[in-house]
Amino acid sequence: MSHATSDNSHANDQQLNSVTLLGNLVNKPEIRYLANPVQAITELTLATHSKWLDKKTNSQKEWTSFHHIKVVGEIVEQVIARAQKGDILLVQGYLASHDYAPKETVNATFIQAFAKGYTQEINQLHCSATLATPLTLVTTENNKTLAHADITISFEAAATSTKKPKQHLITRPVHIWGKQALYLSEQAAPGDTLLIEGKLNYLNDFDKSQFIDAKQIQLIKKQATNY
């Protein structure tokens, strides 16, 4: 009996998890300090806005997303300590989960601050992920096709306290629209890899749960194991 495995069987150990946001600081954050070692830490809320044309009413619609962002280390004192409510912040980071509220955040690895003003805002997410549940296909009240499922992302990031690399595994719902939804509902199965380009959105529930609104998805089928 022979046991064949994929040559890239370790490729899924590390997956892409990247978020870029450009928006307005909702309020002046409170800075705290961790001990052993001493590090500045804060949580902030960034607002991004999206606009679209409602074809039913032929009117412009606007939606504001509020992103909870955790910031640790020198960047807090170098950038956030001087930032004011309404300032424009460019944030690079990754999706993260915590045991305390808010449980779903973006952990920032880079922040650049700009003075108040108008700019085209950015809400971009790029990730590779494993499809964790079967896709559910529904038709919305606006007669649009939607598929939704849970995905998992496995990645390595520095621990807050020790700064040592730590393996993380997070789960998020993903929403997929239109022809992509139909295609993936027929072709994708749990265990497959999805390469996702999209944006962060939030459910209108008590926790404002975070989900991924997919724009483009590439499907990589899981290679069967032969015996």
C-alpha atoms as a PDB file:
ATOM      1  CA  MET A   1       0.000   0.000   0.000  1.00  0.00           C
ATOM      2  CA  SER A   2       1.412   3.376  -1.024  1.00  0.00           C
ATOM      3  CA  HIS A   3       0.621   6.659   0.658  1.00  0.00           C
ATOM      4  CA  ALA A   4       0.964   9.694  -1.628  1.00  0.00           C
ATOM      5  CA  THR A   5       0.801  13.219  -0.278  1.00  0.00           C
ATOM      6  CA  SER A   6       1.016  16.614  -1.910  1.00  0.00           C
ATOM      7  CA  ASP A   7       4.496  18.131  -2.267  1.00  0.00           C
ATOM      8  CA  ASN A   8       3.133  21.363  -0.810  1.00  0.00           C
ATOM      9  CA  SER A   9       1.463  19.734   2.188  1.00  0.00           C
ATOM     10  CA  HIS A  10       3.032  22.308   4.507  1.00  0.00           C
ATOM     11  CA  ALA A  11       1.922  25.291   2.409  1.00  0.00           C
ATOM     12  CA  ASN A  12      -1.317  25.639   4.353  1.00  0.00           C
ATOM     13  CA  ASP A  13       0.539  26.046   7.669  1.00  0.00           C
ATOM     14  CA  GLN A  14       0.805  29.771   6.954  1.00  0.00           C
ATOM     15  CA  GLN A  15      -1.925  31.734   5.219  1.00  0.00           C
ATOM     16  CA  LEU A  16      -2.228  35.357   4.108  1.00  0.00           C
ATOM     17  CA  ASN A  17      -4.123  37.688   6.448  1.00  0.00           C
ATOM     18  CA  SER A  18      -3.800  41.337   5.434  1.00  0.00           C
ATOM     19  CA  VAL A  19      -6.077  44.334   6.034  1.00  0.00           C
ATOM     20  CA  THR A  20      -5.625  47.921   4.805  1.00  0.00           C
ATOM     21  CA  LEU A  21      -7.903  50.687   6.060  1.00  0.00           C
ATOM     22  CA  LEU A  22      -7.948  54.435   5.427  1.00  0.00           C
ATOM     23  CA  GLY A  23     -10.572  56.340   7.379  1.00  0.00           C
ATOM     24  CA  ASN A  24     -11.357  58.780  10.170  1.00  0.00           C
ATOM     25  CA  LEU A  25     -10.523  58.328  13.849  1.00  0.00           C
ATOM     26  CA  VAL A  26     -13.865  58.261  15.677  1.00  0.00           C
ATOM     27  CA  ASN A  27     -12.568  59.362  19.078  1.00  0.00           C
ATOM     28  CA  LYS A  28      -9.366  60.098  20.954  1.00  0.00           C
ATOM     29  CA  PRO A  29      -8.113  56.713  22.232  1.00  0.00           C
ATOM     30  CA  GLU A  30      -7.130  56.064  25.844  1.00  0.00           C
ATOM     31  CA  ILE A  31      -3.556  54.804  26.190  1.00  0.00           C
ATOM     32  CA  ARG A  32      -2.723  52.168  28.807  1.00  0.00           C
ATOM     33  CA  TYR A  33       0.494  50.332  29.657  1.00  0.00           C
ATOM     34  CA  LEU A  34       1.309  46.660  29.970  1.00  0.00           C
ATOM     35  CA  ALA A  35       3.979  45.390  32.378  1.00  0.00           C
ATOM     36  CA  ASN A  36       6.817  42.888  31.841  1.00  0.00           C
ATOM     37  CA  PRO A  37       7.839  44.354  29.479  1.00  0.00           C
ATOM     38  CA  VAL A  38       6.346  47.842  29.660  1.00  0.00           C
ATOM     39  CA  GLN A  39       4.420  48.527  26.444  1.00  0.00           C
ATOM     40  CA  ALA A  40       1.825  51.089  25.446  1.00  0.00           C
ATOM     41  CA  ILE A  41      -1.506  49.668  24.281  1.00  0.00           C
ATOM     42  CA  THR A  42      -4.737  51.165  23.021  1.00  0.00           C
ATOM     43  CA  GLU A  43      -7.907  50.338  21.121  1.00  0.00           C
ATOM     44  CA  LEU A  44      -9.351  52.758  18.613  1.00  0.00           C
ATOM     45  CA  THR A  45     -12.308  52.938  16.258  1.00  0.00           C
ATOM     46  CA  LEU A  46     -11.850  53.882  12.609  1.00  0.00           C
ATOM     47  CA  ALA A  47     -14.775  54.810  10.356  1.00  0.00           C
ATOM     48  CA  THR A  48     -14.822  54.042   6.637  1.00  0.00           C
ATOM     49  CA  HIS A  49     -17.675  54.959   4.297  1.00  0.00           C
ATOM     50  CA  SER A  50     -18.920  53.267   1.153  1.00  0.00           C
ATOM     51  CA  LYS A  51     -21.365  54.714  -1.395  1.00  0.00           C
ATOM     52  CA  TRP A  52     -23.441  53.041  -4.086  1.00  0.00           C
ATOM     53  CA  LEU A  53     -26.404  53.710  -6.362  1.00  0.00           C
ATOM     54  CA  ASP A  54     -29.673  52.100  -5.291  1.00  0.00           C
ATOM     55  CA  LYS A  55     -31.186  51.067  -8.630  1.00  0.00           C
ATOM     56  CA  LYS A  56     -34.626  50.644  -7.080  1.00  0.00           C
ATOM     57  CA  THR A  57     -34.853  54.271  -5.958  1.00  0.00           C
ATOM     58  CA  ASN A  58     -32.152  55.707  -8.272  1.00  0.00           C
ATOM     59  CA  SER A  59     -30.618  57.409  -5.230  1.00  0.00           C
ATOM     60  CA  GLN A  60     -27.184  57.414  -3.643  1.00  0.00           C
ATOM     61  CA  LYS A  61     -26.815  55.279  -0.530  1.00  0.00           C
ATOM     62  CA  GLU A  62     -24.029  55.421   2.045  1.00  0.00           C
ATOM     63  CA  TRP A  63     -22.908  52.921   4.663  1.00  0.00           C
ATOM     64  CA  THR A  64     -20.432  53.565   7.455  1.00  0.00           C
ATOM     65  CA  SER A  65     -18.356  50.712   8.865  1.00  0.00           C
ATOM     66  CA  PHE A  66     -16.746  51.085  12.282  1.00  0.00           C
ATOM     67  CA  HIS A  67     -13.549  49.056  12.628  1.00  0.00           C
ATOM     68  CA  HIS A  68     -12.160  48.174  16.063  1.00  0.00           C
ATOM     69  CA  ILE A  69      -8.364  48.294  15.954  1.00  0.00           C
ATOM     70  CA  LYS A  70      -5.858  47.172  18.581  1.00  0.00           C
ATOM     71  CA  VAL A  71      -2.454  48.879  18.681  1.00  0.00           C
ATOM     72  CA  VAL A  72       0.516  47.792  20.826  1.00  0.00           C
ATOM     73  CA  GLY A  73       4.073  49.076  21.204  1.00  0.00           C
ATOM     74  CA  GLU A  74       6.049  52.078  19.991  1.00  0.00           C
ATOM     75  CA  ILE A  75       3.505  52.984  17.343  1.00  0.00           C
ATOM     76  CA  VAL A  76       1.059  53.989  20.099  1.00  0.00           C
ATOM     77  CA  GLU A  77       3.287  56.741  21.464  1.00  0.00           C
ATOM     78  CA  GLN A  78       4.785  57.714  18.111  1.00  0.00           C
ATOM     79  CA  VAL A  79       1.507  58.098  16.213  1.00  0.00           C
ATOM     80  CA  ILE A  80      -1.642  57.541  18.260  1.00  0.00           C
ATOM     81  CA  ALA A  81      -0.682  59.781  21.212  1.00  0.00           C
ATOM     82  CA  ARG A  82      -0.699  62.793  18.861  1.00  0.00           C
ATOM     83  CA  ALA A  83      -3.761  61.818  16.822  1.00  0.00           C
ATOM     84  CA  GLN A  84      -6.997  63.747  17.255  1.00  0.00           C
ATOM     85  CA  LYS A  85     -10.646  62.861  16.692  1.00  0.00           C
ATOM     86  CA  GLY A  86     -11.425  63.122  12.984  1.00  0.00           C
ATOM     87  CA  ASP A  87      -7.832  62.644  11.809  1.00  0.00           C
ATOM     88  CA  ILE A  88      -7.270  60.400   8.818  1.00  0.00           C
ATOM     89  CA  LEU A  89      -5.438  57.180   9.667  1.00  0.00           C
ATOM     90  CA  LEU A  90      -3.860  54.699   7.285  1.00  0.00           C
ATOM     91  CA  VAL A  91      -3.806  51.305   9.023  1.00  0.00           C
ATOM     92  CA  GLN A  92      -2.103  48.092   7.928  1.00  0.00           C
ATOM     93  CA  GLY A  93      -2.743  44.991  10.000  1.00  0.00           C
ATOM     94  CA  TYR A  94      -4.437  41.607  10.256  1.00  0.00           C
ATOM     95  CA  LEU A  95      -7.685  40.069  11.484  1.00  0.00           C
ATOM     96  CA  ALA A  96      -7.476  38.906  15.093  1.00  0.00           C
ATOM     97  CA  SER A  97      -9.696  37.396  17.791  1.00  0.00           C
ATOM     98  CA  HIS A  98      -9.535  38.044  21.542  1.00  0.00           C
ATOM     99  CA  ASP A  99     -11.163  36.728  24.700  1.00  0.00           C
ATOM    100  CA  TYR A 100     -12.436  40.197  25.665  1.00  0.00           C
ATOM    101  CA  ALA A 101     -14.737  42.724  24.001  1.00  0.00           C
ATOM    102  CA  PRO A 102     -14.548  43.594  21.225  1.00  0.00           C
ATOM    103  CA  LYS A 103     -13.604  40.016  20.402  1.00  0.00           C
ATOM    104  CA  GLU A 104     -13.023  40.609  16.679  1.00  0.00           C
ATOM    105  CA  THR A 105     -10.499  43.291  15.793  1.00  0.00           C
ATOM    106  CA  VAL A 106      -7.830  44.372  13.378  1.00  0.00           C
ATOM    107  CA  ASN A 107      -4.422  44.216  15.057  1.00  0.00           C
ATOM    108  CA  ALA A 108      -2.357  47.088  13.620  1.00  0.00           C
ATOM    109  CA  THR A 109       1.243  46.604  12.509  1.00  0.00           C
ATOM    110  CA  PHE A 110       1.580  50.023  10.804  1.00  0.00           C
ATOM    111  CA  ILE A 111      -0.261  53.329  11.213  1.00  0.00           C
ATOM    112  CA  GLN A 112       0.289  56.673   9.493  1.00  0.00           C
ATOM    113  CA  ALA A 113      -1.708  59.739  10.578  1.00  0.00           C
ATOM    114  CA  PHE A 114      -2.854  62.678   8.472  1.00  0.00           C
ATOM    115  CA  ALA A 115      -4.674  65.875   9.415  1.00  0.00           C
ATOM    116  CA  LYS A 116      -8.450  66.126   9.061  1.00  0.00           C
ATOM    117  CA  GLY A 117      -9.650  66.451   5.491  1.00  0.00           C
ATOM    118  CA  TYR A 118     -11.399  64.672   2.636  1.00  0.00           C
ATOM    119  CA  THR A 119     -10.010  61.566   1.015  1.00  0.00           C
ATOM    120  CA  GLN A 120     -11.257  58.522  -0.850  1.00  0.00           C
ATOM    121  CA  GLU A 121     -11.384  55.916   1.878  1.00  0.00           C
ATOM    122  CA  ILE A 122      -9.946  52.391   1.738  1.00  0.00           C
ATOM    123  CA  ASN A 123     -11.357  49.149   3.119  1.00  0.00           C
ATOM    124  CA  GLN A 124      -9.393  46.250   1.655  1.00  0.00           C
ATOM    125  CA  LEU A 125      -8.793  42.697   2.782  1.00  0.00           C
ATOM    126  CA  HIS A 126      -6.612  40.038   1.165  1.00  0.00           C
ATOM    127  CA  CYS A 127      -6.387  36.548   2.616  1.00  0.00           C
ATOM    128  CA  SER A 128      -5.915  32.903   1.831  1.00  0.00           C
ATOM    129  CA  ALA A 129      -8.170  30.664   3.846  1.00  0.00           C
ATOM    130  CA  THR A 130      -9.594  27.179   4.245  1.00  0.00           C
ATOM    131  CA  LEU A 131     -13.297  26.656   3.640  1.00  0.00           C
ATOM    132  CA  ALA A 132     -14.532  25.345   6.989  1.00  0.00           C
ATOM    133  CA  THR A 133     -18.236  24.748   6.290  1.00  0.00           C
ATOM    134  CA  PRO A 134     -20.367  23.994   3.226  1.00  0.00           C
ATOM    135  CA  LEU A 135     -21.612  27.050   1.345  1.00  0.00           C
ATOM    136  CA  THR A 136     -25.254  28.002   1.871  1.00  0.00           C
ATOM    137  CA  LEU A 137     -26.921  29.608  -1.148  1.00  0.00           C
ATOM    138  CA  VAL A 138     -29.809  32.069  -0.664  1.00  0.00           C
ATOM    139  CA  THR A 139     -31.683  34.712  -2.641  1.00  0.00           C
ATOM    140  CA  THR A 140     -31.951  38.081  -0.868  1.00  0.00           C
ATOM    141  CA  GLU A 141     -35.066  40.249  -0.706  1.00  0.00           C
ATOM    142  CA  ASN A 142     -33.498  42.328  -3.505  1.00  0.00           C
ATOM    143  CA  ASN A 143     -33.368  39.174  -5.664  1.00  0.00           C
ATOM    144  CA  LYS A 144     -29.575  38.894  -5.436  1.00  0.00           C
ATOM    145  CA  THR A 145     -27.732  35.594  -5.112  1.00  0.00           C
ATOM    146  CA  LEU A 146     -25.686  35.210  -1.917  1.00  0.00           C
ATOM    147  CA  ALA A 147     -23.547  32.330  -0.701  1.00  0.00           C
ATOM    148  CA  HIS A 148     -22.171  32.318   2.832  1.00  0.00           C
ATOM    149  CA  ALA A 149     -19.916  30.017   4.831  1.00  0.00           C
ATOM    150  CA  ASP A 150     -17.209  30.048   7.496  1.00  0.00           C
ATOM    151  CA  ILE A 151     -13.521  30.153   6.642  1.00  0.00           C
ATOM    152  CA  THR A 152     -10.433  29.650   8.796  1.00  0.00           C
ATOM    153  CA  ILE A 153      -7.135  31.505   8.457  1.00  0.00           C
ATOM    154  CA  SER A 154      -3.954  30.046   9.975  1.00  0.00           C
ATOM    155  CA  PHE A 155      -1.095  32.512  10.332  1.00  0.00           C
ATOM    156  CA  GLU A 156       1.820  33.551  12.520  1.00  0.00           C
ATOM    157  CA  ALA A 157       2.034  36.884  14.352  1.00  0.00           C
ATOM    158  CA  ALA A 158       3.974  38.225  17.312  1.00  0.00           C
ATOM    159  CA  ALA A 159       2.372  37.801  20.736  1.00  0.00           C
ATOM    160  CA  THR A 160       1.442  41.081  22.434  1.00  0.00           C
ATOM    161  CA  SER A 161       3.415  40.536  25.633  1.00  0.00           C
ATOM    162  CA  THR A 162       6.469  38.540  24.542  1.00  0.00           C
ATOM    163  CA  LYS A 163       6.814  39.709  20.923  1.00  0.00           C
ATOM    164  CA  LYS A 164       7.615  36.101  20.067  1.00  0.00           C
ATOM    165  CA  PRO A 165       5.966  34.499  17.030  1.00  0.00           C
ATOM    166  CA  LYS A 166       2.705  32.784  17.842  1.00  0.00           C
ATOM    167  CA  GLN A 167       0.451  30.642  15.663  1.00  0.00           C
ATOM    168  CA  HIS A 168      -3.115  31.921  15.318  1.00  0.00           C
ATOM    169  CA  LEU A 169      -6.236  30.323  13.898  1.00  0.00           C
ATOM    170  CA  ILE A 170      -9.267  32.535  13.358  1.00  0.00           C
ATOM    171  CA  THR A 171     -12.704  31.903  11.870  1.00  0.00           C
ATOM    172  CA  ARG A 172     -14.819  34.416   9.985  1.00  0.00           C
ATOM    173  CA  PRO A 173     -18.006  34.239   7.925  1.00  0.00           C
ATOM    174  CA  VAL A 174     -17.579  35.141   4.265  1.00  0.00           C
ATOM    175  CA  HIS A 175     -20.312  36.485   1.944  1.00  0.00           C
ATOM    176  CA  ILE A 176     -20.038  35.856  -1.804  1.00  0.00           C
ATOM    177  CA  TRP A 177     -22.343  37.372  -4.421  1.00  0.00           C
ATOM    178  CA  GLY A 178     -23.690  36.721  -7.908  1.00  0.00           C
ATOM    179  CA  LYS A 179     -22.080  34.333 -10.378  1.00  0.00           C
ATOM    180  CA  GLN A 180     -19.187  33.628  -8.001  1.00  0.00           C
ATOM    181  CA  ALA A 181     -21.706  32.492  -5.381  1.00  0.00           C
ATOM    182  CA  LEU A 182     -23.346  30.093  -7.832  1.00  0.00           C
ATOM    183  CA  TYR A 183     -20.022  28.719  -9.047  1.00  0.00           C
ATOM    184  CA  LEU A 184     -18.549  28.158  -5.596  1.00  0.00           C
ATOM    185  CA  SER A 185     -21.739  26.617  -4.223  1.00  0.00           C
ATOM    186  CA  GLU A 186     -21.383  23.945  -6.924  1.00  0.00           C
ATOM    187  CA  GLN A 187     -17.598  23.520  -6.929  1.00  0.00           C
ATOM    188  CA  ALA A 188     -16.196  24.306  -3.464  1.00  0.00           C
ATOM    189  CA  ALA A 189     -16.134  21.891  -0.532  1.00  0.00           C
ATOM    190  CA  PRO A 190     -14.825  22.098   3.056  1.00  0.00           C
ATOM    191  CA  GLY A 191     -11.040  21.764   3.053  1.00  0.00           C
ATOM    192  CA  ASP A 192     -10.593  23.690  -0.206  1.00  0.00           C
ATOM    193  CA  THR A 193      -8.458  26.832  -0.238  1.00  0.00           C
ATOM    194  CA  LEU A 194      -9.960  30.214  -1.126  1.00  0.00           C
ATOM    195  CA  LEU A 195      -7.906  33.255  -2.153  1.00  0.00           C
ATOM    196  CA  ILE A 196     -10.072  36.209  -1.222  1.00  0.00           C
ATOM    197  CA  GLU A 197     -10.024  39.888  -2.131  1.00  0.00           C
ATOM    198  CA  GLY A 198     -12.730  41.877  -0.405  1.00  0.00           C
ATOM    199  CA  LYS A 199     -13.577  44.216   2.443  1.00  0.00           C
ATOM    200  CA  LEU A 200     -14.537  44.079   6.104  1.00  0.00           C
ATOM    201  CA  ASN A 201     -18.183  44.416   7.028  1.00  0.00           C
ATOM    202  CA  TYR A 202     -20.216  43.964  10.188  1.00  0.00           C
ATOM    203  CA  LEU A 203     -23.515  42.278  11.006  1.00  0.00           C
ATOM    204  CA  ASN A 204     -26.274  44.339  12.551  1.00  0.00           C
ATOM    205  CA  ASP A 205     -26.273  42.242  15.729  1.00  0.00           C
ATOM    206  CA  PHE A 206     -25.440  43.022  19.367  1.00  0.00           C
ATOM    207  CA  ASP A 207     -21.727  42.310  18.924  1.00  0.00           C
ATOM    208  CA  LYS A 208     -21.485  43.914  15.455  1.00  0.00           C
ATOM    209  CA  SER A 209     -19.879  40.653  14.367  1.00  0.00           C
ATOM    210  CA  GLN A 210     -17.186  40.974  11.723  1.00  0.00           C
ATOM    211  CA  PHE A 211     -17.476  39.248   8.363  1.00  0.00           C
ATOM    212  CA  ILE A 212     -15.708  39.328   4.996  1.00  0.00           C
ATOM    213  CA  ASP A 213     -17.580  40.733   2.019  1.00  0.00           C
ATOM    214  CA  ALA A 214     -15.832  39.051  -0.905  1.00  0.00           C
ATOM    215  CA  LYS A 215     -15.199  40.848  -4.203  1.00  0.00           C
ATOM    216  CA  GLN A 216     -13.014  38.289  -6.005  1.00  0.00           C
ATOM    217  CA  ILE A 217     -12.345  34.672  -5.026  1.00  0.00           C
ATOM    218  CA  GLN A 218     -10.023  32.069  -6.488  1.00  0.00           C
ATOM    219  CA  LEU A 219     -10.746  28.434  -5.654  1.00  0.00           C
ATOM    220  CA  ILE A 220      -7.933  25.916  -5.147  1.00  0.00           C
ATOM    221  CA  LYS A 221      -9.320  22.431  -4.773  1.00  0.00           C
ATOM    222  CA  LYS A 222      -7.998  20.219  -1.983  1.00  0.00           C
ATOM    223  CA  GLN A 223      -5.786  17.507  -3.424  1.00  0.00           C
ATOM    224  CA  ALA A 224      -7.100  14.046  -2.746  1.00  0.00           C
ATOM    225  CA  THR A 225      -4.916  11.636  -0.778  1.00  0.00           C
ATOM    226  CA  ASN A 226      -4.303   8.363  -2.586  1.00  0.00           C
ATOM    227  CA  TYR A 227      -3.777   5.039  -0.859  1.00  0.00           C
END
